[in-house]
Protein backbone atom coordinates (compact mmCIF):
# COMPACT_ATOMS: atom_id res chain seq x y z
CA MET A 1 85.36 172.69 186.64
CA ILE A 2 86.96 169.65 188.59
CA SER A 3 90.29 169.61 190.35
CA ILE A 4 93.09 167.18 190.13
CA PRO A 5 92.42 165.32 193.64
CA ASP A 6 88.38 165.29 192.92
CA LEU A 7 89.66 163.75 189.31
CA ILE A 8 92.16 161.29 190.84
CA GLY A 9 89.38 160.34 193.58
CA LEU A 10 87.07 159.16 190.79
CA VAL A 11 89.47 156.76 189.11
CA GLU A 12 90.90 155.10 192.46
CA ALA A 13 87.34 154.29 193.53
CA ALA A 14 86.68 152.61 189.95
CA VAL A 15 90.27 151.03 190.00
CA PRO A 16 91.53 150.39 193.38
CA GLY A 17 95.50 150.83 194.03
CA ALA A 18 95.75 151.94 190.82
CA GLU A 19 98.61 154.74 190.15
CA VAL A 20 96.97 157.79 188.81
CA ASN A 21 98.52 161.13 187.18
CA VAL A 22 96.32 163.40 185.52
CA LEU A 23 97.77 167.04 183.89
CA ASP A 24 95.33 170.02 183.10
CA LYS A 25 96.00 169.93 179.34
CA THR A 26 94.83 173.45 178.89
CA GLY A 27 95.21 175.36 182.44
CA MET A 28 91.31 175.96 182.38
CA LYS A 29 90.41 173.08 184.38
CA ASP A 30 88.10 171.05 182.30
CA HIS A 31 90.48 169.10 179.79
CA PHE A 32 93.03 166.79 181.62
CA ILE A 33 95.35 163.98 180.51
CA ILE A 34 95.17 160.66 182.48
CA HIS A 35 97.49 158.07 183.05
CA VAL A 36 96.35 155.18 185.00
CA THR A 37 98.64 152.11 185.81
CA SER A 38 97.20 149.13 187.57
CA SER A 39 97.98 145.73 187.77
CA THR A 40 94.50 144.90 187.16
CA PHE A 41 94.95 145.77 183.64
CA GLU A 42 96.68 142.76 183.16
CA GLY A 43 95.03 140.48 180.09
CA VAL A 44 92.48 143.53 179.41
CA GLY A 45 91.89 144.96 176.56
CA ILE A 46 92.87 148.51 175.75
CA MET A 47 88.99 149.34 174.75
CA ASP A 48 87.90 147.78 178.09
CA ARG A 49 90.85 149.79 180.20
CA HIS A 50 89.80 153.05 179.16
CA ARG A 51 86.09 152.07 179.43
CA THR A 52 86.57 151.11 182.84
CA VAL A 53 88.18 154.88 183.46
CA MET A 54 85.75 156.32 181.08
CA ASP A 55 82.88 155.20 183.43
CA ALA A 56 84.28 156.25 186.82
CA LEU A 57 84.39 160.03 184.78
CA ASP A 58 80.90 159.89 183.66
CA PRO A 59 79.21 161.38 186.59
CA ALA A 60 81.99 164.38 186.42
CA MET A 61 81.30 164.68 182.45
CA LYS A 62 77.51 164.62 182.75
CA ASP A 63 77.41 167.77 185.45
CA GLY A 64 79.96 169.65 183.38
CA ARG A 65 82.43 169.61 185.66
CA LEU A 66 84.91 167.10 182.74
CA HIS A 67 84.61 168.41 179.02
CA ALA A 68 87.43 166.34 177.85
CA ALA A 69 89.97 163.45 179.01
CA GLU A 70 92.56 161.60 177.37
CA VAL A 71 93.11 158.55 178.86
CA LYS A 72 96.34 156.30 178.94
CA THR A 73 96.45 153.28 180.75
CA ALA A 74 98.87 150.51 181.50
CA THR A 75 100.59 147.76 183.36
CA PRO A 76 103.26 148.14 185.91
């Protein structure tokens, strides 16, 4: 299990200045919907945006704190 503030911290470290909103999808603290809005995503393809966020979440995935993440990205 991982806390929402910890998830936000992981994403913000990878995408400084991003607006990050996280919703616990199941209430079990291991499946989340993560919305990341950042001006750094301008001109970046959706796959690369998602790859950036998923790379940030990789340590939590590997150690089992995070089981699944639905990622949505946007520009302001």
